[in-house]
N, C-alpha and C. Protein backbone atom coordinates (compact mmCIF):
# COMPACT_ATOMS: atom_id res chain seq x y z
N MET A 1 22.09 -0.65 9.43
CA MET A 1 22.91 0.06 10.41
C MET A 1 22.66 1.57 10.32
N VAL A 2 22.48 2.26 11.46
CA VAL A 2 22.18 3.69 11.50
C VAL A 2 23.46 4.50 11.32
N ASP A 3 23.38 5.46 10.41
CA ASP A 3 24.49 6.38 10.20
C ASP A 3 24.46 7.44 11.30
N ILE A 4 25.45 7.37 12.21
CA ILE A 4 25.45 8.25 13.37
C ILE A 4 25.51 9.72 12.99
N SER A 5 26.20 10.04 11.92
CA SER A 5 26.30 11.44 11.49
C SER A 5 24.95 11.96 11.02
N GLU A 6 24.20 11.06 10.33
CA GLU A 6 22.86 11.45 9.87
C GLU A 6 21.92 11.63 11.06
N PHE A 7 22.04 10.75 12.03
CA PHE A 7 21.23 10.83 13.24
C PHE A 7 21.48 12.14 13.98
N ARG A 8 22.78 12.51 14.08
CA ARG A 8 23.14 13.76 14.75
C ARG A 8 22.57 14.97 14.01
N ALA A 9 22.60 14.93 12.71
CA ALA A 9 22.10 16.05 11.90
C ALA A 9 20.60 16.24 12.11
N VAL A 10 19.86 15.10 12.12
CA VAL A 10 18.42 15.16 12.34
C VAL A 10 18.11 15.68 13.75
N ALA A 11 18.84 15.18 14.73
CA ALA A 11 18.62 15.59 16.11
C ALA A 11 18.91 17.07 16.30
N LYS A 12 20.01 17.52 15.68
CA LYS A 12 20.39 18.93 15.80
C LYS A 12 19.34 19.84 15.18
N LYS A 13 18.81 19.42 14.03
CA LYS A 13 17.79 20.21 13.34
C LYS A 13 16.52 20.30 14.19
N ASN A 14 16.10 19.19 14.76
CA ASN A 14 14.88 19.16 15.58
C ASN A 14 15.04 19.98 16.86
N ILE A 15 16.22 19.87 17.48
CA ILE A 15 16.48 20.63 18.71
C ILE A 15 16.46 22.13 18.41
N GLY A 16 16.97 22.48 17.23
CA GLY A 16 16.98 23.89 16.85
C GLY A 16 15.60 24.48 16.73
N VAL A 17 14.60 23.64 16.43
CA VAL A 17 13.22 24.10 16.35
C VAL A 17 12.52 23.95 17.69
N ALA A 18 12.69 22.80 18.32
CA ALA A 18 11.96 22.48 19.54
C ALA A 18 12.38 23.33 20.73
N TYR A 19 13.67 23.60 20.86
CA TYR A 19 14.18 24.33 22.03
C TYR A 19 13.60 25.74 22.13
N PRO A 20 13.63 26.54 21.04
CA PRO A 20 13.02 27.88 21.11
C PRO A 20 11.52 27.85 21.38
N VAL A 21 10.84 26.86 20.76
CA VAL A 21 9.39 26.74 20.97
C VAL A 21 9.10 26.41 22.42
N TYR A 22 9.88 25.50 22.98
CA TYR A 22 9.72 25.10 24.38
C TYR A 22 9.87 26.30 25.31
N HIS A 23 10.90 27.10 25.08
CA HIS A 23 11.13 28.26 25.95
C HIS A 23 10.09 29.35 25.71
N ALA A 24 9.60 29.45 24.49
CA ALA A 24 8.52 30.41 24.23
C ALA A 24 7.27 30.01 25.01
N CYS A 25 7.00 28.71 25.06
CA CYS A 25 5.85 28.20 25.82
C CYS A 25 6.02 28.49 27.31
N LEU A 26 7.25 28.33 27.80
CA LEU A 26 7.51 28.62 29.21
C LEU A 26 7.28 30.09 29.53
N ARG A 27 7.72 30.97 28.61
CA ARG A 27 7.53 32.41 28.82
C ARG A 27 6.05 32.76 28.83
N ILE A 28 5.29 32.17 27.91
CA ILE A 28 3.84 32.43 27.85
C ILE A 28 3.16 31.93 29.12
N GLU A 29 3.56 30.73 29.57
CA GLU A 29 2.98 30.17 30.78
C GLU A 29 3.27 31.05 31.98
N ASN A 30 4.51 31.54 32.07
CA ASN A 30 4.90 32.40 33.18
C ASN A 30 4.13 33.71 33.14
N MET A 31 3.95 34.27 31.94
CA MET A 31 3.22 35.51 31.79
C MET A 31 1.76 35.31 32.19
N ASN A 32 1.16 34.19 31.80
CA ASN A 32 -0.22 33.90 32.15
C ASN A 32 -0.42 33.79 33.65
N GLN A 33 0.60 33.29 34.34
CA GLN A 33 0.51 33.15 35.79
C GLN A 33 0.52 34.51 36.49
N GLU A 34 0.98 35.55 35.79
CA GLU A 34 1.02 36.89 36.35
C GLU A 34 -0.17 37.74 35.95
N ARG A 35 -1.02 37.20 35.06
CA ARG A 35 -2.13 37.98 34.52
C ARG A 35 -3.47 37.53 35.10
N ASP A 36 -4.35 38.49 35.27
CA ASP A 36 -5.72 38.19 35.64
C ASP A 36 -6.44 37.66 34.41
N LEU A 37 -7.06 36.51 34.52
CA LEU A 37 -7.65 35.84 33.36
C LEU A 37 -8.81 36.63 32.75
N LEU A 38 -9.56 37.36 33.56
CA LEU A 38 -10.71 38.09 33.04
C LEU A 38 -10.31 39.38 32.33
N THR A 39 -9.48 40.18 32.98
CA THR A 39 -9.19 41.53 32.47
C THR A 39 -7.90 41.63 31.67
N GLY A 40 -6.98 40.69 31.88
CA GLY A 40 -5.71 40.75 31.18
C GLY A 40 -4.66 41.62 31.84
N VAL A 41 -5.03 42.36 32.91
CA VAL A 41 -4.03 43.15 33.63
C VAL A 41 -3.34 42.23 34.64
N TYR A 42 -2.31 42.73 35.29
CA TYR A 42 -1.58 41.91 36.25
C TYR A 42 -2.46 41.54 37.44
N ASN A 43 -2.13 40.41 38.07
CA ASN A 43 -2.96 39.90 39.16
C ASN A 43 -2.37 40.23 40.53
N ARG A 44 -3.02 39.72 41.56
CA ARG A 44 -2.65 40.01 42.95
C ARG A 44 -1.23 39.54 43.28
N GLY A 45 -0.88 38.34 42.79
CA GLY A 45 0.46 37.82 43.07
C GLY A 45 1.54 38.71 42.49
N LYS A 46 1.33 39.18 41.27
CA LYS A 46 2.28 40.07 40.62
C LYS A 46 2.36 41.40 41.36
N PHE A 47 1.23 41.86 41.88
CA PHE A 47 1.20 43.11 42.64
C PHE A 47 2.14 43.05 43.84
N PHE A 48 2.03 41.99 44.63
CA PHE A 48 2.87 41.89 45.82
C PHE A 48 4.35 41.74 45.46
N ALA A 49 4.63 41.03 44.39
CA ALA A 49 6.02 40.89 43.95
C ALA A 49 6.59 42.24 43.52
N ASP A 50 5.81 42.99 42.77
CA ASP A 50 6.27 44.30 42.30
C ASP A 50 6.38 45.30 43.45
N MET A 51 5.47 45.22 44.40
CA MET A 51 5.52 46.13 45.54
C MET A 51 6.83 45.97 46.32
N LYS A 52 7.28 44.74 46.50
CA LYS A 52 8.53 44.51 47.22
C LYS A 52 9.68 45.22 46.55
N GLY A 53 9.77 45.06 45.22
CA GLY A 53 10.85 45.68 44.49
C GLY A 53 10.75 47.20 44.46
N ASN A 54 9.53 47.71 44.31
CA ASN A 54 9.35 49.16 44.24
C ASN A 54 9.56 49.85 45.57
N VAL A 55 9.23 49.18 46.67
CA VAL A 55 9.50 49.73 48.00
C VAL A 55 11.01 49.92 48.18
N LEU A 56 11.78 48.92 47.80
CA LEU A 56 13.24 49.02 47.91
C LEU A 56 13.78 50.13 47.02
N THR A 57 13.25 50.23 45.81
CA THR A 57 13.70 51.27 44.88
C THR A 57 13.40 52.66 45.45
N SER A 58 12.19 52.83 45.98
CA SER A 58 11.80 54.12 46.54
C SER A 58 12.66 54.46 47.75
N LEU A 59 12.94 53.47 48.56
CA LEU A 59 13.71 53.67 49.79
C LEU A 59 15.16 54.03 49.48
N ARG A 60 15.76 53.32 48.55
CA ARG A 60 17.19 53.49 48.27
C ARG A 60 17.49 54.60 47.28
N MET A 61 16.59 54.78 46.29
CA MET A 61 16.83 55.77 45.24
C MET A 61 16.10 57.08 45.50
N ARG A 62 15.26 57.09 46.54
CA ARG A 62 14.50 58.27 46.93
C ARG A 62 13.63 58.80 45.79
N VAL A 63 12.92 57.90 45.16
CA VAL A 63 11.95 58.28 44.13
C VAL A 63 10.55 58.10 44.70
N ASN A 64 9.63 58.92 44.25
CA ASN A 64 8.25 58.83 44.74
C ASN A 64 7.59 57.53 44.29
N MET A 65 6.94 56.87 45.23
CA MET A 65 6.13 55.71 44.91
C MET A 65 4.77 55.88 45.56
N TRP A 66 3.73 55.85 44.73
CA TRP A 66 2.36 56.03 45.21
C TRP A 66 1.57 54.74 45.01
N LEU A 67 0.72 54.44 45.97
CA LEU A 67 -0.20 53.31 45.82
C LEU A 67 -1.61 53.86 45.69
N LEU A 68 -2.29 53.47 44.61
CA LEU A 68 -3.70 53.80 44.43
C LEU A 68 -4.53 52.55 44.70
N TYR A 69 -5.45 52.65 45.63
CA TYR A 69 -6.37 51.54 45.93
C TYR A 69 -7.71 51.92 45.32
N ILE A 70 -8.16 51.17 44.31
CA ILE A 70 -9.32 51.55 43.50
C ILE A 70 -10.45 50.54 43.70
N ASP A 71 -11.60 51.06 44.10
CA ASP A 71 -12.77 50.20 44.33
C ASP A 71 -13.95 50.76 43.56
N LEU A 72 -14.63 49.91 42.78
CA LEU A 72 -15.80 50.34 42.03
C LEU A 72 -17.02 50.35 42.96
N ASN A 73 -17.73 51.44 42.97
CA ASN A 73 -18.82 51.63 43.93
C ASN A 73 -20.07 50.83 43.56
N ASN A 74 -20.53 50.05 44.53
CA ASN A 74 -21.76 49.26 44.37
C ASN A 74 -21.79 48.46 43.07
N PHE A 75 -20.67 47.88 42.72
CA PHE A 75 -20.60 47.13 41.47
C PHE A 75 -21.54 45.92 41.48
N LYS A 76 -21.87 45.45 42.66
CA LYS A 76 -22.79 44.32 42.80
C LYS A 76 -24.14 44.63 42.14
N VAL A 77 -24.52 45.90 42.15
CA VAL A 77 -25.79 46.30 41.53
C VAL A 77 -25.77 46.01 40.03
N VAL A 78 -24.62 46.27 39.40
CA VAL A 78 -24.49 46.02 37.96
C VAL A 78 -24.66 44.53 37.68
N ASN A 79 -23.97 43.70 38.45
CA ASN A 79 -24.09 42.25 38.26
C ASN A 79 -25.51 41.75 38.50
N ASP A 80 -26.14 42.26 39.55
CA ASP A 80 -27.48 41.80 39.90
C ASP A 80 -28.52 42.25 38.88
N PHE A 81 -28.36 43.46 38.36
CA PHE A 81 -29.37 44.04 37.48
C PHE A 81 -29.19 43.62 36.03
N PHE A 82 -27.93 43.58 35.56
CA PHE A 82 -27.68 43.29 34.15
C PHE A 82 -27.08 41.90 33.91
N GLY A 83 -26.60 41.27 34.96
CA GLY A 83 -25.99 39.95 34.81
C GLY A 83 -24.47 40.03 34.81
N HIS A 84 -23.86 38.89 35.07
CA HIS A 84 -22.40 38.85 35.21
C HIS A 84 -21.68 39.03 33.89
N ASP A 85 -22.30 38.68 32.78
CA ASP A 85 -21.65 38.91 31.49
C ASP A 85 -21.39 40.39 31.26
N THR A 86 -22.41 41.21 31.55
CA THR A 86 -22.24 42.66 31.43
C THR A 86 -21.24 43.16 32.46
N GLY A 87 -21.33 42.63 33.67
CA GLY A 87 -20.37 43.01 34.71
C GLY A 87 -18.94 42.73 34.30
N ASP A 88 -18.73 41.58 33.68
CA ASP A 88 -17.38 41.21 33.23
C ASP A 88 -16.88 42.17 32.15
N ARG A 89 -17.79 42.56 31.24
CA ARG A 89 -17.40 43.49 30.18
C ARG A 89 -17.04 44.86 30.76
N VAL A 90 -17.78 45.27 31.79
CA VAL A 90 -17.49 46.53 32.45
C VAL A 90 -16.10 46.47 33.09
N LEU A 91 -15.80 45.37 33.78
CA LEU A 91 -14.50 45.22 34.42
C LEU A 91 -13.36 45.25 33.40
N ARG A 92 -13.56 44.54 32.29
CA ARG A 92 -12.52 44.53 31.25
C ARG A 92 -12.31 45.93 30.67
N SER A 93 -13.42 46.60 30.41
CA SER A 93 -13.34 47.94 29.83
C SER A 93 -12.63 48.91 30.77
N ILE A 94 -13.06 48.92 32.02
CA ILE A 94 -12.50 49.86 32.99
C ILE A 94 -11.02 49.60 33.23
N SER A 95 -10.65 48.33 33.37
CA SER A 95 -9.24 48.01 33.65
C SER A 95 -8.34 48.47 32.51
N GLN A 96 -8.80 48.31 31.28
CA GLN A 96 -8.00 48.73 30.14
C GLN A 96 -7.94 50.26 30.03
N GLU A 97 -9.03 50.92 30.40
CA GLU A 97 -9.04 52.38 30.39
C GLU A 97 -8.06 52.93 31.43
N ILE A 98 -8.08 52.36 32.62
CA ILE A 98 -7.15 52.79 33.67
C ILE A 98 -5.71 52.52 33.24
N LYS A 99 -5.49 51.38 32.64
CA LYS A 99 -4.16 51.03 32.15
C LYS A 99 -3.66 52.10 31.18
N GLY A 100 -4.55 52.57 30.29
CA GLY A 100 -4.17 53.61 29.34
C GLY A 100 -3.87 54.93 30.01
N VAL A 101 -4.65 55.27 31.05
CA VAL A 101 -4.47 56.54 31.76
C VAL A 101 -3.10 56.61 32.43
N ILE A 102 -2.68 55.53 33.07
CA ILE A 102 -1.43 55.58 33.86
C ILE A 102 -0.22 55.07 33.08
N ALA A 103 -0.41 54.75 31.81
CA ALA A 103 0.71 54.25 31.00
C ALA A 103 1.87 55.24 31.04
N GLY A 104 3.05 54.71 31.27
CA GLY A 104 4.23 55.55 31.36
C GLY A 104 4.54 56.01 32.77
N TYR A 105 3.56 55.87 33.66
CA TYR A 105 3.77 56.28 35.05
C TYR A 105 3.64 55.12 36.03
N GLY A 106 2.90 54.09 35.65
CA GLY A 106 2.70 53.01 36.59
C GLY A 106 2.00 51.82 35.98
N THR A 107 1.59 50.90 36.86
CA THR A 107 1.02 49.63 36.45
C THR A 107 -0.25 49.37 37.24
N ILE A 108 -1.24 48.79 36.57
CA ILE A 108 -2.50 48.44 37.23
C ILE A 108 -2.56 46.95 37.50
N TYR A 109 -3.21 46.59 38.60
CA TYR A 109 -3.37 45.20 39.01
C TYR A 109 -4.81 44.98 39.46
N ARG A 110 -5.34 43.82 39.16
CA ARG A 110 -6.65 43.46 39.72
C ARG A 110 -6.41 42.62 40.96
N LEU A 111 -6.88 43.12 42.10
CA LEU A 111 -6.68 42.42 43.36
C LEU A 111 -7.74 41.34 43.57
N GLY A 112 -8.88 41.52 42.91
CA GLY A 112 -9.98 40.56 43.04
C GLY A 112 -11.30 41.28 42.99
N GLY A 113 -12.33 40.64 42.45
CA GLY A 113 -13.65 41.26 42.37
C GLY A 113 -13.59 42.57 41.61
N ASP A 114 -14.08 43.64 42.23
CA ASP A 114 -14.05 44.95 41.60
C ASP A 114 -13.00 45.86 42.24
N GLU A 115 -11.99 45.25 42.83
CA GLU A 115 -10.91 46.00 43.48
C GLU A 115 -9.64 45.94 42.64
N PHE A 116 -9.04 47.11 42.43
CA PHE A 116 -7.81 47.23 41.66
C PHE A 116 -6.80 48.04 42.46
N ALA A 117 -5.56 47.89 42.08
CA ALA A 117 -4.50 48.72 42.65
C ALA A 117 -3.62 49.20 41.52
N ALA A 118 -3.00 50.36 41.73
CA ALA A 118 -2.04 50.86 40.76
C ALA A 118 -0.82 51.36 41.51
N ILE A 119 0.34 51.02 41.01
CA ILE A 119 1.60 51.51 41.57
C ILE A 119 2.12 52.57 40.61
N ILE A 120 2.32 53.79 41.14
CA ILE A 120 2.81 54.91 40.34
C ILE A 120 4.21 55.26 40.82
N ILE A 121 5.14 55.33 39.89
CA ILE A 121 6.55 55.58 40.24
C ILE A 121 7.01 56.90 39.62
N GLY A 122 7.65 57.73 40.45
CA GLY A 122 8.33 58.92 39.94
C GLY A 122 7.48 60.16 39.77
N ALA A 123 6.16 60.05 39.87
CA ALA A 123 5.29 61.21 39.66
C ALA A 123 5.32 62.13 40.87
N ASP A 124 5.29 63.45 40.60
CA ASP A 124 5.16 64.38 41.71
C ASP A 124 3.69 64.48 42.10
N GLU A 125 3.39 65.25 43.15
CA GLU A 125 2.03 65.29 43.67
C GLU A 125 1.04 65.86 42.66
N GLN A 126 1.48 66.86 41.90
CA GLN A 126 0.60 67.46 40.90
C GLN A 126 0.22 66.47 39.81
N LYS A 127 1.20 65.74 39.30
CA LYS A 127 0.95 64.74 38.28
C LYS A 127 0.09 63.61 38.84
N LEU A 128 0.36 63.21 40.07
CA LEU A 128 -0.40 62.14 40.71
C LEU A 128 -1.88 62.52 40.79
N ASN A 129 -2.16 63.75 41.24
CA ASN A 129 -3.55 64.20 41.35
C ASN A 129 -4.24 64.24 39.99
N GLU A 130 -3.47 64.62 38.98
CA GLU A 130 -4.01 64.64 37.62
C GLU A 130 -4.39 63.24 37.16
N LEU A 131 -3.52 62.28 37.44
CA LEU A 131 -3.79 60.89 37.06
C LEU A 131 -5.01 60.35 37.80
N VAL A 132 -5.12 60.66 39.07
CA VAL A 132 -6.26 60.18 39.87
C VAL A 132 -7.57 60.74 39.32
N LYS A 133 -7.59 62.02 38.97
CA LYS A 133 -8.80 62.62 38.40
C LYS A 133 -9.19 61.94 37.09
N ARG A 134 -8.18 61.61 36.29
CA ARG A 134 -8.45 60.94 35.02
C ARG A 134 -8.96 59.51 35.25
N VAL A 135 -8.43 58.85 36.28
CA VAL A 135 -8.91 57.51 36.63
C VAL A 135 -10.37 57.59 37.05
N GLU A 136 -10.70 58.58 37.88
CA GLU A 136 -12.09 58.74 38.33
C GLU A 136 -13.03 59.02 37.17
N MET A 137 -12.57 59.82 36.21
CA MET A 137 -13.39 60.12 35.04
C MET A 137 -13.59 58.90 34.16
N THR A 138 -12.52 58.15 33.94
CA THR A 138 -12.61 57.02 33.01
C THR A 138 -13.44 55.88 33.58
N THR A 139 -13.55 55.78 34.91
CA THR A 139 -14.36 54.71 35.49
C THR A 139 -15.85 55.00 35.35
N GLU A 140 -16.19 56.18 34.92
CA GLU A 140 -17.60 56.50 34.69
C GLU A 140 -18.03 56.18 33.26
N GLN A 141 -17.12 55.63 32.47
CA GLN A 141 -17.41 55.31 31.08
C GLN A 141 -17.25 53.80 30.89
N ALA A 142 -18.36 53.12 30.70
CA ALA A 142 -18.34 51.67 30.58
C ALA A 142 -19.25 51.22 29.46
N PRO A 143 -19.12 50.00 28.98
CA PRO A 143 -19.95 49.52 27.87
C PRO A 143 -21.40 49.31 28.27
N CYS A 144 -22.26 49.17 27.27
CA CYS A 144 -23.68 48.84 27.45
C CYS A 144 -24.46 49.94 28.13
N GLY A 145 -23.92 51.18 28.10
CA GLY A 145 -24.62 52.28 28.74
C GLY A 145 -24.57 52.24 30.25
N VAL A 146 -23.76 51.36 30.81
CA VAL A 146 -23.67 51.23 32.26
C VAL A 146 -22.55 52.12 32.76
N TYR A 147 -22.91 53.05 33.63
CA TYR A 147 -21.92 53.97 34.18
C TYR A 147 -21.69 53.63 35.65
N VAL A 148 -20.46 53.44 36.02
CA VAL A 148 -20.11 53.26 37.42
C VAL A 148 -19.03 54.27 37.73
N ASN A 149 -18.74 54.47 38.99
CA ASN A 149 -17.60 55.30 39.33
C ASN A 149 -16.78 54.61 40.39
N ALA A 150 -15.63 55.19 40.69
CA ALA A 150 -14.69 54.52 41.59
C ALA A 150 -14.32 55.43 42.75
N SER A 151 -13.99 54.81 43.85
CA SER A 151 -13.36 55.50 44.97
C SER A 151 -11.89 55.13 44.95
N VAL A 152 -11.04 56.15 45.02
CA VAL A 152 -9.60 55.92 44.93
C VAL A 152 -8.91 56.39 46.20
N GLY A 153 -8.26 55.46 46.88
CA GLY A 153 -7.45 55.80 48.04
C GLY A 153 -6.00 55.96 47.62
N ILE A 154 -5.36 57.02 48.08
CA ILE A 154 -3.99 57.35 47.66
C ILE A 154 -3.07 57.33 48.88
N LYS A 155 -1.93 56.69 48.73
CA LYS A 155 -0.93 56.73 49.80
C LYS A 155 0.46 56.73 49.19
N LYS A 156 1.29 57.62 49.70
CA LYS A 156 2.68 57.71 49.23
C LYS A 156 3.58 56.93 50.18
N TYR A 157 4.48 56.15 49.61
CA TYR A 157 5.42 55.40 50.45
C TYR A 157 6.40 56.37 51.10
N ASN A 158 6.66 56.15 52.37
CA ASN A 158 7.71 56.92 53.04
C ASN A 158 8.52 55.98 53.94
N ILE A 159 9.63 56.44 54.40
CA ILE A 159 10.59 55.60 55.12
C ILE A 159 10.01 55.02 56.41
N GLU A 160 8.99 55.68 56.96
CA GLU A 160 8.38 55.19 58.19
C GLU A 160 7.68 53.84 58.02
N TYR A 161 7.33 53.50 56.77
CA TYR A 161 6.71 52.21 56.51
C TYR A 161 7.73 51.07 56.61
N GLY A 162 9.00 51.40 56.53
CA GLY A 162 10.03 50.37 56.54
C GLY A 162 10.11 49.69 55.19
N GLU A 163 10.39 48.39 55.20
CA GLU A 163 10.47 47.64 53.95
C GLU A 163 9.95 46.22 54.15
N GLY A 164 9.88 45.48 53.06
CA GLY A 164 9.41 44.10 53.12
C GLY A 164 7.90 43.99 53.24
N GLU A 165 7.44 42.82 53.64
CA GLU A 165 6.01 42.53 53.69
C GLU A 165 5.26 43.43 54.67
N LYS A 166 5.92 43.79 55.77
CA LYS A 166 5.27 44.65 56.77
C LYS A 166 4.96 46.01 56.18
N ALA A 167 5.89 46.55 55.39
CA ALA A 167 5.67 47.85 54.75
C ALA A 167 4.49 47.79 53.79
N ILE A 168 4.41 46.71 53.02
CA ILE A 168 3.32 46.55 52.06
C ILE A 168 1.99 46.45 52.79
N GLU A 169 1.97 45.70 53.87
CA GLU A 169 0.74 45.56 54.66
C GLU A 169 0.27 46.90 55.20
N LEU A 170 1.19 47.71 55.70
CA LEU A 170 0.84 48.99 56.30
C LEU A 170 0.35 49.99 55.26
N ILE A 171 1.06 50.09 54.14
CA ILE A 171 0.67 51.08 53.13
C ILE A 171 -0.66 50.68 52.47
N MET A 172 -0.90 49.38 52.32
CA MET A 172 -2.18 48.93 51.78
C MET A 172 -3.32 49.26 52.74
N LYS A 173 -3.07 49.08 54.03
CA LYS A 173 -4.10 49.37 55.03
C LYS A 173 -4.45 50.85 55.01
N ASP A 174 -3.43 51.71 54.90
CA ASP A 174 -3.67 53.15 54.87
C ASP A 174 -4.38 53.57 53.59
N ALA A 175 -3.98 53.00 52.46
CA ALA A 175 -4.62 53.33 51.19
C ALA A 175 -6.08 52.86 51.19
N ASP A 176 -6.33 51.71 51.77
CA ASP A 176 -7.69 51.17 51.88
C ASP A 176 -8.55 52.08 52.75
N ARG A 177 -7.98 52.58 53.83
CA ARG A 177 -8.71 53.50 54.71
C ARG A 177 -9.05 54.80 53.97
N GLU A 178 -8.10 55.31 53.21
CA GLU A 178 -8.35 56.52 52.42
C GLU A 178 -9.45 56.28 51.38
N MET A 179 -9.44 55.09 50.79
CA MET A 179 -10.45 54.76 49.79
C MET A 179 -11.85 54.80 50.41
N TYR A 180 -12.00 54.25 51.60
CA TYR A 180 -13.31 54.24 52.25
C TYR A 180 -13.73 55.65 52.67
N ASN A 181 -12.78 56.50 53.01
CA ASN A 181 -13.11 57.89 53.30
C ASN A 181 -13.67 58.60 52.07
N VAL A 182 -13.07 58.31 50.92
CA VAL A 182 -13.56 58.88 49.67
C VAL A 182 -14.94 58.34 49.35
N LYS A 183 -15.14 57.04 49.56
CA LYS A 183 -16.41 56.38 49.25
C LYS A 183 -17.58 57.00 50.02
N LYS A 184 -17.31 57.43 51.25
CA LYS A 184 -18.37 58.02 52.07
C LYS A 184 -18.95 59.29 51.44
N HIS A 185 -18.14 59.97 50.64
CA HIS A 185 -18.57 61.24 50.06
C HIS A 185 -19.05 61.10 48.62
N LYS A 186 -19.13 59.87 48.14
CA LYS A 186 -19.64 59.63 46.79
C LYS A 186 -21.17 59.56 46.87
N LYS A 187 -21.84 60.59 46.36
CA LYS A 187 -23.30 60.61 46.43
C LYS A 187 -23.93 59.71 45.35
N GLN A 188 -23.47 59.87 44.13
CA GLN A 188 -24.03 59.07 43.04
C GLN A 188 -23.01 57.99 42.69
N VAL A 189 -23.32 56.78 43.03
CA VAL A 189 -22.32 55.72 42.84
C VAL A 189 -22.60 54.82 41.65
N CYS A 190 -23.80 54.86 41.12
CA CYS A 190 -24.07 54.01 39.96
C CYS A 190 -25.23 54.57 39.16
N ILE A 191 -25.01 54.86 37.91
CA ILE A 191 -26.08 55.37 37.05
C ILE A 191 -26.14 54.53 35.79
N VAL A 192 -27.32 54.20 35.38
CA VAL A 192 -27.49 53.56 34.08
C VAL A 192 -28.20 54.57 33.19
N CYS A 193 -27.59 54.92 32.07
CA CYS A 193 -28.13 56.00 31.25
C CYS A 193 -29.46 55.61 30.62
N GLU A 194 -30.31 56.60 30.36
CA GLU A 194 -31.64 56.37 29.84
C GLU A 194 -31.63 55.84 28.41
N LYS A 195 -30.56 56.12 27.65
CA LYS A 195 -30.50 55.74 26.25
C LYS A 195 -29.77 54.41 26.01
N CYS A 196 -29.41 53.72 27.08
CA CYS A 196 -28.66 52.48 26.90
C CYS A 196 -29.56 51.38 26.35
N THR A 197 -28.96 50.31 25.88
CA THR A 197 -29.72 49.22 25.26
C THR A 197 -30.57 48.46 26.27
N TYR A 198 -30.34 48.71 27.55
CA TYR A 198 -31.10 48.01 28.58
C TYR A 198 -32.15 48.92 29.23
N ARG A 199 -32.52 50.01 28.54
CA ARG A 199 -33.39 50.98 29.18
C ARG A 199 -34.76 50.41 29.55
N GLU A 200 -35.18 49.34 28.84
CA GLU A 200 -36.48 48.77 29.17
C GLU A 200 -36.49 48.17 30.58
N LYS A 201 -35.30 47.94 31.10
CA LYS A 201 -35.21 47.40 32.46
C LYS A 201 -35.23 48.52 33.51
N GLY A 202 -35.24 49.74 33.05
CA GLY A 202 -35.31 50.85 33.99
C GLY A 202 -33.98 51.53 34.22
N ILE A 203 -33.98 52.50 35.05
CA ILE A 203 -32.80 53.28 35.37
C ILE A 203 -32.44 53.07 36.82
N ILE A 204 -31.20 52.71 37.05
CA ILE A 204 -30.76 52.51 38.43
C ILE A 204 -30.14 53.81 38.94
N ARG A 205 -30.56 54.21 40.09
CA ARG A 205 -29.90 55.35 40.74
C ARG A 205 -29.65 54.93 42.19
N VAL A 206 -28.43 54.69 42.51
CA VAL A 206 -28.08 54.21 43.84
C VAL A 206 -27.27 55.29 44.55
N ARG A 207 -27.65 55.61 45.75
CA ARG A 207 -26.93 56.62 46.50
C ARG A 207 -26.21 55.98 47.69
N ALA A 208 -25.04 56.53 47.98
CA ALA A 208 -24.23 55.98 49.07
C ALA A 208 -24.91 56.25 50.41
């Protein structure tokens, strides 16, 4: 015959271990769903979710919200010339560098491929320009001697965008347009340094 009190004690002990582990697994799973698997930064889905909340915050609390649309110039050349393994390392390196630059001011997201976005909250125009310059500088420093640079489109949220999905669509379109305007003026978009480990393959110099 089973002693019910003993059974309860065993069950209680196991639940005390299993329940926290179960919820820890759920938290990890949820976090993974918000992260880009390659770079570890937040993904496109998380970007749109955060944009909705930040648009409302900016609208109601009247705090500055900036969208940076970041595109790596001619990144396809890196993949084609050095291979996707090197390209992946460049993406991981750059995303983490950008994350470090804007830490305390905003969040970086990988939208897909070599396109990233950053949401900056509370910064004034002077600080924003400083951050953008640092982002542009850090994208020129990548592993394996491969140097790329980025075009950054900047747009500040204002009340004319409204709110909700329509506001996000409009501000992204404007930031994307600004990014392409910047890209047109980028003369040197990809350089591979002469002293890199791949120098036997030559030096790439691609002009916009």
